C-alpha atoms as a PDB file:
ATOM      1  CA  MET A   1       4.939  19.576  -6.125  1.00  0.00           C
ATOM      2  CA  THR A   2       4.125  17.187  -8.945  1.00  0.00           C
ATOM      3  CA  ASP A   3       4.586  18.337 -12.534  1.00  0.00           C
ATOM      4  CA  THR A   4       1.166  18.013 -13.854  1.00  0.00           C
ATOM      5  CA  ALA A   5       2.438  18.263 -17.379  1.00  0.00           C
ATOM      6  CA  ALA A   6       4.340  15.207 -16.980  1.00  0.00           C
ATOM      7  CA  GLU A   7       3.056  11.614 -17.363  1.00  0.00           C
ATOM      8  CA  PRO A   8       2.103  10.481 -13.731  1.00  0.00           C
ATOM      9  CA  LEU A   9       4.126   7.721 -12.356  1.00  0.00           C
ATOM     10  CA  LEU A  10       0.903   5.569 -12.174  1.00  0.00           C
ATOM     11  CA  ARG A  11      -2.553   6.285 -13.283  1.00  0.00           C
ATOM     12  CA  THR A  12      -5.847   4.184 -13.798  1.00  0.00           C
ATOM     13  CA  ASP A  13      -8.271   4.708 -16.479  1.00  0.00           C
ATOM     14  CA  ARG A  14     -11.984   3.680 -15.489  1.00  0.00           C
ATOM     15  CA  LEU A  15     -10.510   0.660 -13.355  1.00  0.00           C
ATOM     16  CA  THR A  16     -13.253  -1.565 -12.540  1.00  0.00           C
ATOM     17  CA  ARG A  17     -13.249  -4.877 -10.473  1.00  0.00           C
ATOM     18  CA  HIS A  18     -16.526  -6.858 -10.022  1.00  0.00           C
ATOM     19  CA  PHE A  19     -16.706 -10.169  -7.883  1.00  0.00           C
ATOM     20  CA  LYS A  20     -19.234 -12.861  -8.434  1.00  0.00           C
ATOM     21  CA  VAL A  21     -20.962 -13.755  -5.252  1.00  0.00           C
ATOM     22  CA  GLY A  22     -22.851 -16.768  -4.321  1.00  0.00           C
ATOM     23  CA  GLY A  23     -22.946 -20.432  -5.839  1.00  0.00           C
ATOM     24  CA  ALA A  24     -22.004 -21.486  -9.284  1.00  0.00           C
ATOM     25  CA  LEU A  25     -25.428 -20.538 -10.594  1.00  0.00           C
ATOM     26  CA  SER A  26     -25.742 -17.238  -8.747  1.00  0.00           C
ATOM     27  CA  ARG A  27     -26.181 -14.104 -10.786  1.00  0.00           C
ATOM     28  CA  ARG A  28     -25.163 -11.826  -8.091  1.00  0.00           C
ATOM     29  CA  THR A  29     -22.081  -9.427  -8.606  1.00  0.00           C
ATOM     30  CA  LEU A  30     -20.384  -7.386  -6.107  1.00  0.00           C
ATOM     31  CA  HIS A  31     -19.296  -4.152  -7.571  1.00  0.00           C
ATOM     32  CA  ALA A  32     -15.959  -3.756  -5.480  1.00  0.00           C
ATOM     33  CA  VAL A  33     -14.467  -0.768  -7.760  1.00  0.00           C
ATOM     34  CA  ASP A  34     -16.359   1.024 -10.657  1.00  0.00           C
ATOM     35  CA  ASP A  35     -14.858   3.280 -13.152  1.00  0.00           C
ATOM     36  CA  VAL A  36     -11.935   4.574 -10.885  1.00  0.00           C
ATOM     37  CA  SER A  37      -9.572   7.040 -12.748  1.00  0.00           C
ATOM     38  CA  LEU A  38      -6.592   7.923 -10.418  1.00  0.00           C
ATOM     39  CA  ALA A  39      -3.146   9.281 -11.025  1.00  0.00           C
ATOM     40  CA  LEU A  40      -0.071   9.441  -8.685  1.00  0.00           C
ATOM     41  CA  GLY A  41       2.813  11.797  -9.420  1.00  0.00           C
ATOM     42  CA  ALA A  42       6.303  11.094  -8.201  1.00  0.00           C
ATOM     43  CA  ARG A  43       6.800  11.850  -4.528  1.00  0.00           C
ATOM     44  CA  GLU A  44       3.135  11.926  -3.917  1.00  0.00           C
ATOM     45  CA  ILE A  45       1.627  10.533  -0.646  1.00  0.00           C
ATOM     46  CA  VAL A  46      -2.025   9.466  -1.619  1.00  0.00           C
ATOM     47  CA  ALA A  47      -4.434   7.959   0.830  1.00  0.00           C
ATOM     48  CA  LEU A  48      -7.554   5.949  -0.288  1.00  0.00           C
ATOM     49  CA  ALA A  49      -9.765   6.369   2.615  1.00  0.00           C
ATOM     50  CA  GLY A  50     -13.124   5.065   3.419  1.00  0.00           C
ATOM     51  CA  GLU A  51     -15.114   2.636   5.501  1.00  0.00           C
ATOM     52  CA  SER A  52     -14.294  -1.063   5.394  1.00  0.00           C
ATOM     53  CA  GLY A  53     -15.797  -2.490   2.057  1.00  0.00           C
ATOM     54  CA  SER A  54     -15.283   0.829   0.342  1.00  0.00           C
ATOM     55  CA  GLY A  55     -12.839  -0.646  -2.323  1.00  0.00           C
ATOM     56  CA  LYS A  56      -9.663   0.795  -1.373  1.00  0.00           C
ATOM     57  CA  SER A  57      -7.859  -2.360  -0.481  1.00  0.00           C
ATOM     58  CA  THR A  58      -9.313  -3.952  -3.834  1.00  0.00           C
ATOM     59  CA  ILE A  59      -7.718  -0.909  -5.829  1.00  0.00           C
ATOM     60  CA  ALA A  60      -4.373  -1.584  -3.921  1.00  0.00           C
ATOM     61  CA  ARG A  61      -4.513  -5.105  -4.893  1.00  0.00           C
ATOM     62  CA  LEU A  62      -5.369  -4.375  -8.478  1.00  0.00           C
ATOM     63  CA  LEU A  63      -2.387  -1.887  -8.639  1.00  0.00           C
ATOM     64  CA  ALA A  64      -0.112  -4.773  -7.152  1.00  0.00           C
ATOM     65  CA  LYS A  65      -1.439  -7.170  -9.761  1.00  0.00           C
ATOM     66  CA  ILE A  66      -2.756  -9.628  -7.142  1.00  0.00           C
ATOM     67  CA  TYR A  67      -6.291  -8.971  -8.805  1.00  0.00           C
ATOM     68  CA  GLN A  68      -6.951  -8.435 -12.580  1.00  0.00           C
ATOM     69  CA  PRO A  69      -9.425  -5.832 -13.499  1.00  0.00           C
ATOM     70  CA  THR A  70     -12.776  -6.596 -14.804  1.00  0.00           C
ATOM     71  CA  SER A  71     -12.358  -3.715 -17.226  1.00  0.00           C
ATOM     72  CA  GLY A  72     -10.363  -0.481 -17.363  1.00  0.00           C
ATOM     73  CA  GLU A  73      -6.557  -0.080 -17.460  1.00  0.00           C
ATOM     74  CA  ILE A  74      -3.499   0.693 -15.156  1.00  0.00           C
ATOM     75  CA  TYR A  75      -0.550   2.630 -16.618  1.00  0.00           C
ATOM     76  CA  PHE A  76       2.810   2.467 -14.769  1.00  0.00           C
ATOM     77  CA  THR A  77       5.515   5.067 -16.264  1.00  0.00           C
ATOM     78  CA  GLY A  78       3.173   5.264 -19.300  1.00  0.00           C
ATOM     79  CA  ARG A  79       3.021   1.528 -19.902  1.00  0.00           C
ATOM     80  CA  PRO A  80      -0.234  -0.398 -19.626  1.00  0.00           C
ATOM     81  CA  LEU A  81      -0.035  -3.244 -17.168  1.00  0.00           C
ATOM     82  CA  SER A  82      -2.096  -5.391 -19.485  1.00  0.00           C
ATOM     83  CA  SER A  83       0.934  -5.750 -21.605  1.00  0.00           C
ATOM     84  CA  ILE A  84       2.797  -7.662 -18.964  1.00  0.00           C
ATOM     85  CA  ARG A  85       2.942 -11.106 -20.210  1.00  0.00           C
ATOM     86  CA  SER A  86       6.176 -12.763 -18.934  1.00  0.00           C
ATOM     87  CA  ARG A  87       6.983 -13.809 -15.453  1.00  0.00           C
ATOM     88  CA  ALA A  88      10.143 -11.781 -15.508  1.00  0.00           C
ATOM     89  CA  ASP A  89       8.113  -8.521 -16.285  1.00  0.00           C
ATOM     90  CA  LEU A  90       5.819  -9.294 -13.583  1.00  0.00           C
ATOM     91  CA  LEU A  91       8.533  -9.881 -11.109  1.00  0.00           C
ATOM     92  CA  ARG A  92      10.033  -6.734 -12.161  1.00  0.00           C
ATOM     93  CA  TYR A  93       7.058  -4.614 -11.829  1.00  0.00           C
ATOM     94  CA  ARG A  94       6.240  -6.158  -8.437  1.00  0.00           C
ATOM     95  CA  GLY A  95       9.744  -5.077  -7.230  1.00  0.00           C
ATOM     96  CA  GLU A  96       9.174  -1.663  -8.441  1.00  0.00           C
ATOM     97  CA  VAL A  97       5.642  -1.487  -6.981  1.00  0.00           C
ATOM     98  CA  PRO A  98       5.668  -3.648  -3.725  1.00  0.00           C
ATOM     99  CA  MET A  99       2.968  -3.910  -1.291  1.00  0.00           C
ATOM    100  CA  VAL A 100       3.283  -3.784   2.454  1.00  0.00           C
ATOM    101  CA  PHE A 101       0.557  -5.578   4.252  1.00  0.00           C
ATOM    102  CA  GLN A 102      -1.057  -5.136   7.676  1.00  0.00           C
ATOM    103  CA  ASP A 103       1.101  -8.062   8.953  1.00  0.00           C
ATOM    104  CA  PRO A 104       3.975  -9.062   6.885  1.00  0.00           C
ATOM    105  CA  PHE A 105       4.072 -12.630   8.660  1.00  0.00           C
ATOM    106  CA  SER A 106       0.430 -13.342   8.431  1.00  0.00           C
ATOM    107  CA  ALA A 107       0.684 -15.522   5.460  1.00  0.00           C
ATOM    108  CA  THR A 108       4.164 -17.232   6.455  1.00  0.00           C
ATOM    109  CA  ASN A 109       5.109 -20.116   8.328  1.00  0.00           C
ATOM    110  CA  PRO A 110       5.996 -18.908  12.064  1.00  0.00           C
ATOM    111  CA  VAL A 111       8.966 -20.996  12.050  1.00  0.00           C
ATOM    112  CA  PHE A 112      10.676 -18.767   9.521  1.00  0.00           C
ATOM    113  CA  ARG A 113      13.173 -16.017  10.836  1.00  0.00           C
ATOM    114  CA  ALA A 114      12.571 -12.317  10.172  1.00  0.00           C
ATOM    115  CA  SER A 115      15.083 -12.387   7.434  1.00  0.00           C
ATOM    116  CA  HIS A 116      13.250 -15.242   5.468  1.00  0.00           C
ATOM    117  CA  GLY A 117      10.929 -12.872   3.531  1.00  0.00           C
ATOM    118  CA  ILE A 118      13.274 -10.253   2.432  1.00  0.00           C
ATOM    119  CA  LEU A 119      15.843 -12.740   1.461  1.00  0.00           C
ATOM    120  CA  ARG A 120      13.565 -14.595  -0.611  1.00  0.00           C
ATOM    121  CA  ALA A 121      12.122 -11.423  -2.278  1.00  0.00           C
ATOM    122  CA  LEU A 122      15.787 -10.405  -3.057  1.00  0.00           C
ATOM    123  CA  THR A 123      16.270 -13.713  -4.682  1.00  0.00           C
ATOM    124  CA  LEU A 124      13.207 -13.355  -6.922  1.00  0.00           C
ATOM    125  CA  HIS A 125      13.446  -9.857  -7.675  1.00  0.00           C
ATOM    126  CA  ARG A 126      17.151  -9.022  -7.773  1.00  0.00           C
ATOM    127  CA  PRO A 127      18.659 -12.161  -9.334  1.00  0.00           C
ATOM    128  CA  GLU A 128      21.770 -10.159 -10.027  1.00  0.00           C
ATOM    129  CA  LEU A 129      22.888 -10.344  -6.367  1.00  0.00           C
ATOM    130  CA  GLY A 130      24.957 -13.175  -4.868  1.00  0.00           C
ATOM    131  CA  ARG A 131      23.972 -14.848  -1.688  1.00  0.00           C
ATOM    132  CA  GLN A 132      26.339 -12.402   0.592  1.00  0.00           C
ATOM    133  CA  GLN A 133      25.071  -9.435  -1.314  1.00  0.00           C
ATOM    134  CA  ARG A 134      21.566 -10.329  -0.600  1.00  0.00           C
ATOM    135  CA  TYR A 135      22.313 -10.713   3.028  1.00  0.00           C
ATOM    136  CA  GLU A 136      24.194  -7.358   2.982  1.00  0.00           C
ATOM    137  CA  GLU A 137      21.164  -5.643   1.235  1.00  0.00           C
ATOM    138  CA  ALA A 138      18.830  -7.065   3.782  1.00  0.00           C
ATOM    139  CA  GLN A 139      20.735  -5.544   6.505  1.00  0.00           C
ATOM    140  CA  ARG A 140      20.929  -2.247   4.997  1.00  0.00           C
ATOM    141  CA  ALA A 141      17.155  -2.251   4.464  1.00  0.00           C
ATOM    142  CA  PHE A 142      16.490  -3.317   8.055  1.00  0.00           C
ATOM    143  CA  GLU A 143      18.710  -0.686   9.457  1.00  0.00           C
ATOM    144  CA  ALA A 144      16.993   1.894   7.068  1.00  0.00           C
ATOM    145  CA  VAL A 145      13.833   1.514   8.938  1.00  0.00           C
ATOM    146  CA  GLY A 146      15.205   1.348  12.282  1.00  0.00           C
ATOM    147  CA  LEU A 147      15.627  -2.281  12.981  1.00  0.00           C
ATOM    148  CA  ALA A 148      18.985  -2.185  14.529  1.00  0.00           C
ATOM    149  CA  PRO A 149      21.074  -4.204  15.314  1.00  0.00           C
ATOM    150  CA  ALA A 150      20.023  -5.743  12.010  1.00  0.00           C
ATOM    151  CA  ALA A 151      22.023  -8.917  12.100  1.00  0.00           C
ATOM    152  CA  GLU A 152      20.584  -9.768  15.485  1.00  0.00           C
ATOM    153  CA  ILE A 153      16.872  -8.909  14.359  1.00  0.00           C
ATOM    154  CA  MET A 154      17.055 -10.776  11.208  1.00  0.00           C
ATOM    155  CA  GLN A 155      17.645 -13.976  13.331  1.00  0.00           C
ATOM    156  CA  ARG A 156      14.516 -13.405  15.413  1.00  0.00           C
ATOM    157  CA  TYR A 157      11.202 -15.342  14.721  1.00  0.00           C
ATOM    158  CA  PRO A 158       7.836 -13.589  14.346  1.00  0.00           C
ATOM    159  CA  HIS A 159       6.657 -14.098  17.915  1.00  0.00           C
ATOM    160  CA  GLU A 160       9.851 -12.452  19.101  1.00  0.00           C
ATOM    161  CA  LEU A 161       9.157  -9.180  17.490  1.00  0.00           C
ATOM    162  CA  SER A 162       6.711  -6.432  18.780  1.00  0.00           C
ATOM    163  CA  GLY A 163       3.822  -5.229  16.431  1.00  0.00           C
ATOM    164  CA  GLY A 164       5.752  -2.125  15.498  1.00  0.00           C
ATOM    165  CA  GLN A 165       8.879  -4.267  14.507  1.00  0.00           C
ATOM    166  CA  ARG A 166       6.900  -6.607  12.460  1.00  0.00           C
ATOM    167  CA  GLN A 167       5.452  -3.864  10.438  1.00  0.00           C
ATOM    168  CA  ARG A 168       9.046  -2.389   9.999  1.00  0.00           C
ATOM    169  CA  VAL A 169       9.936  -5.886   8.663  1.00  0.00           C
ATOM    170  CA  GLY A 170       7.323  -5.261   5.839  1.00  0.00           C
ATOM    171  CA  PHE A 171       8.838  -1.832   5.087  1.00  0.00           C
ATOM    172  CA  ALA A 172      12.321  -3.277   4.897  1.00  0.00           C
ATOM    173  CA  GLN A 173      11.199  -5.977   2.478  1.00  0.00           C
ATOM    174  CA  ALA A 174       9.602  -3.460   0.150  1.00  0.00           C
ATOM    175  CA  LEU A 175      12.684  -1.222   0.362  1.00  0.00           C
ATOM    176  CA  ALA A 176      15.149  -3.746  -0.443  1.00  0.00           C
ATOM    177  CA  MET A 177      13.329  -3.883  -3.996  1.00  0.00           C
ATOM    178  CA  ARG A 178      14.416  -0.361  -4.585  1.00  0.00           C
ATOM    179  CA  PRO A 179      10.814   0.585  -5.407  1.00  0.00           C
ATOM    180  CA  LYS A 180       9.406   3.414  -7.296  1.00  0.00           C
ATOM    181  CA  LEU A 181       6.058   3.285  -5.556  1.00  0.00           C
ATOM    182  CA  MET A 182       5.008   1.435  -2.322  1.00  0.00           C
ATOM    183  CA  LEU A 183       1.390   0.237  -1.810  1.00  0.00           C
ATOM    184  CA  LEU A 184       0.576   0.199   2.017  1.00  0.00           C
ATOM    185  CA  ASP A 185      -2.677  -1.741   2.753  1.00  0.00           C
ATOM    186  CA  GLU A 186      -4.152  -1.024   6.205  1.00  0.00           C
ATOM    187  CA  ILE A 187      -0.774  -1.123   7.731  1.00  0.00           C
ATOM    188  CA  THR A 188      -2.143   0.444  10.790  1.00  0.00           C
ATOM    189  CA  SER A 189      -5.189  -1.873  11.420  1.00  0.00           C
ATOM    190  CA  SER A 190      -5.503  -3.345  14.794  1.00  0.00           C
ATOM    191  CA  LEU A 191      -2.499  -1.523  16.051  1.00  0.00           C
ATOM    192  CA  ASP A 192      -2.493   0.361  19.363  1.00  0.00           C
ATOM    193  CA  PRO A 193      -2.010   4.236  19.196  1.00  0.00           C
ATOM    194  CA  GLU A 194       1.600   4.134  20.073  1.00  0.00           C
ATOM    195  CA  LEU A 195       2.376   1.696  17.360  1.00  0.00           C
ATOM    196  CA  VAL A 196       0.400   3.717  14.865  1.00  0.00           C
ATOM    197  CA  ALA A 197       2.452   6.828  15.746  1.00  0.00           C
ATOM    198  CA  GLU A 198       5.608   4.621  15.111  1.00  0.00           C
ATOM    199  CA  VAL A 199       4.358   3.520  11.691  1.00  0.00           C
ATOM    200  CA  LEU A 200       3.461   7.016  10.736  1.00  0.00           C
ATOM    201  CA  ASN A 201       7.027   8.153  11.448  1.00  0.00           C
ATOM    202  CA  ILE A 202       8.285   5.660   9.171  1.00  0.00           C
ATOM    203  CA  VAL A 203       6.092   6.891   6.528  1.00  0.00           C
ATOM    204  CA  ARG A 204       7.047  10.532   7.080  1.00  0.00           C
ATOM    205  CA  GLU A 205      10.936   9.530   6.997  1.00  0.00           C
ATOM    206  CA  LEU A 206      10.322   7.587   3.630  1.00  0.00           C
ATOM    207  CA  ALA A 207       8.408  10.719   2.273  1.00  0.00           C
ATOM    208  CA  SER A 208      11.161  13.023   3.135  1.00  0.00           C
ATOM    209  CA  GLU A 209      13.451  10.711   1.022  1.00  0.00           C
ATOM    210  CA  GLY A 210      11.247  11.128  -1.912  1.00  0.00           C
ATOM    211  CA  MET A 211       9.294   7.894  -1.863  1.00  0.00           C
ATOM    212  CA  THR A 212       5.959   7.688  -3.729  1.00  0.00           C
ATOM    213  CA  MET A 213       3.248   5.974  -1.531  1.00  0.00           C
ATOM    214  CA  LEU A 214      -0.456   4.951  -1.789  1.00  0.00           C
ATOM    215  CA  LEU A 215      -2.053   4.282   1.569  1.00  0.00           C
ATOM    216  CA  ALA A 216      -5.181   2.306   1.754  1.00  0.00           C
ATOM    217  CA  THR A 217      -6.689   2.882   5.154  1.00  0.00           C
ATOM    218  CA  HIS A 218      -9.978   3.368   7.018  1.00  0.00           C
ATOM    219  CA  GLU A 219      -8.233   5.080   9.793  1.00  0.00           C
ATOM    220  CA  MET A 220      -8.959   8.732   9.010  1.00  0.00           C
ATOM    221  CA  SER A 221      -6.457  10.246  11.365  1.00  0.00           C
ATOM    222  CA  PHE A 222      -3.649   8.262   9.675  1.00  0.00           C
ATOM    223  CA  ALA A 223      -4.900   9.460   6.146  1.00  0.00           C
ATOM    224  CA  ARG A 224      -4.936  12.958   7.583  1.00  0.00           C
ATOM    225  CA  GLU A 225      -1.562  12.971   9.065  1.00  0.00           C
ATOM    226  CA  ALA A 226       0.298  10.894   6.500  1.00  0.00           C
ATOM    227  CA  SER A 227      -0.922  11.885   3.090  1.00  0.00           C
ATOM    228  CA  SER A 228      -0.545  14.860   0.689  1.00  0.00           C
ATOM    229  CA  ARG A 229      -3.967  14.045  -0.927  1.00  0.00           C
ATOM    230  CA  VAL A 230      -6.930  12.079   0.237  1.00  0.00           C
ATOM    231  CA  CYS A 231      -9.309  10.150  -2.141  1.00  0.00           C
ATOM    232  CA  PHE A 232     -12.442   9.219  -0.255  1.00  0.00           C
ATOM    233  CA  LEU A 233     -14.108   6.205  -1.486  1.00  0.00           C
ATOM    234  CA  ASP A 234     -17.708   4.920  -1.143  1.00  0.00           C
ATOM    235  CA  GLN A 235     -19.176   1.746  -2.801  1.00  0.00           C
ATOM    236  CA  GLY A 236     -16.156   1.332  -4.950  1.00  0.00           C
ATOM    237  CA  VAL A 237     -16.238   5.097  -6.454  1.00  0.00           C
ATOM    238  CA  ILE A 238     -13.985   7.877  -5.626  1.00  0.00           C
ATOM    239  CA  ARG A 239     -16.610  10.564  -4.403  1.00  0.00           C
ATOM    240  CA  GLU A 240     -14.054  13.437  -3.729  1.00  0.00           C
ATOM    241  CA  GLN A 241     -10.368  13.889  -3.485  1.00  0.00           C
ATOM    242  CA  GLY A 242      -8.208  16.885  -2.398  1.00  0.00           C
ATOM    243  CA  PRO A 243      -5.762  18.055   0.385  1.00  0.00           C
ATOM    244  CA  PRO A 244      -6.358  16.370   3.684  1.00  0.00           C
ATOM    245  CA  GLU A 245      -6.788  19.866   5.352  1.00  0.00           C
ATOM    246  CA  ARG A 246      -9.827  20.388   2.949  1.00  0.00           C
ATOM    247  CA  ILE A 247     -11.323  16.994   2.801  1.00  0.00           C
ATOM    248  CA  PHE A 248     -11.460  16.827   6.747  1.00  0.00           C
ATOM    249  CA  SER A 249     -12.533  20.532   7.302  1.00  0.00           C
ATOM    250  CA  GLU A 250     -14.801  21.194   4.355  1.00  0.00           C
ATOM    251  CA  PRO A 251     -16.046  17.971   2.595  1.00  0.00           C
ATOM    252  CA  SER A 252     -18.083  18.627  -0.275  1.00  0.00           C
ATOM    253  CA  ASP A 253     -19.656  15.193  -0.908  1.00  0.00           C
ATOM    254  CA  PRO A 254     -22.637  14.370   1.345  1.00  0.00           C
ATOM    255  CA  ARG A 255     -21.188  10.722   1.820  1.00  0.00           C
ATOM    256  CA  THR A 256     -17.901  12.086   2.826  1.00  0.00           C
ATOM    257  CA  GLN A 257     -19.802  14.445   5.453  1.00  0.00           C
ATOM    258  CA  ALA A 258     -21.768  11.724   6.754  1.00  0.00           C
ATOM    259  CA  PHE A 259     -18.762   9.410   7.066  1.00  0.00           C
ATOM    260  CA  LEU A 260     -16.635  11.997   8.974  1.00  0.00           C
ATOM    261  CA  LYS A 261     -19.495  13.039  11.252  1.00  0.00           C
ATOM    262  CA  ARG A 262     -19.827   9.326  12.350  1.00  0.00           C
ATOM    263  CA  ILE A 263     -16.338   8.949  13.061  1.00  0.00           C
ATOM    264  CA  ILE A 264     -15.891  12.255  14.910  1.00  0.00           C
ATOM    265  CA  GLU A 265     -18.949  11.265  17.055  1.00  0.00           C
ATOM    266  CA  ALA A 266     -17.212   7.824  17.636  1.00  0.00           C
ATOM    267  CA  GLY A 267     -14.117   9.624  18.825  1.00  0.00           C
ATOM    268  CA  ARG A 268     -11.931   8.148  16.019  1.00  0.00           C
ATOM    269  CA  LEU A 269     -10.787  11.459  14.529  1.00  0.00           C
END
C-alpha cells in the first residue's frame, strides 16, 4: 500500500508531447500526449493501457528522457527532470529509471554477445566497478532473472536465444543498474502466449521483491494480470484509472467501455 501523504516516487504535472507531422512547411501537429498528470508510489505496478497510438509508449519515453516534453514537468523523488543538465546526472537518472524494450537486441548489432549490452550499461552507469566486478554483477543479474548458467548464456549471440530469454536479458540489464523504477515498453508485443506467461512471471517476481514498475501495453490481459493500477489512455489523455478488477469489470468512461468490448469480442481478453 502506497503512503499517499508521502511524495510519490515519480509524478507528472500536465505532461504534454506534440509532434510536428508532414513536411517542413506543414502546420499539422500530432497530439501524442496531452496534460497527463500521473503519480507512481514506491512498489506500485502501474499499467498504461490502450490501443496502439494512444500515447502510452510516448509517456514511457518521456519518463525515460528519450523524448523531451512539449510542456509540463516530470518529478522524480521530488526533483524536476528539467533541472538535469549534465551528462553525469542524466546517466544517473537513466540508471535509476531504466527502460526495458520489446526486444533488447533490436537496436544492436547481431554479432554482439548477450553480455555486451549489460557490460556496456554497467560501464556507463556504474563507473565505480572494475572490469571483473562488472562481469560478476552481470552474472548476478542474469541469474536473478532465471538465465542460468549465466556464464554460458552471456556468451551466446541473439539468434541463439529464445524470445523469452531475450526478454530476460532486457530485465537483467535493467536490474544491474539497481533501479528505483523500471519502465517496461510493450514487452509482450509479438510474443506467443507461453512467452507472455513467462514474462508475467518475471514481473510478478520483481513485484514480490518490491520493485516499482510502469508497464506500457496494449495487451489488456497482461495489464489486468500484472498491475496493481491501470490507467486507460485514449488519444493521449488518461480517461480513467483504478484497480484492474474495477477497470475491467465496471469501466466508467465510454471510450474504455467501447475498447474493452472490442477486445472481448476479438477474443483478446
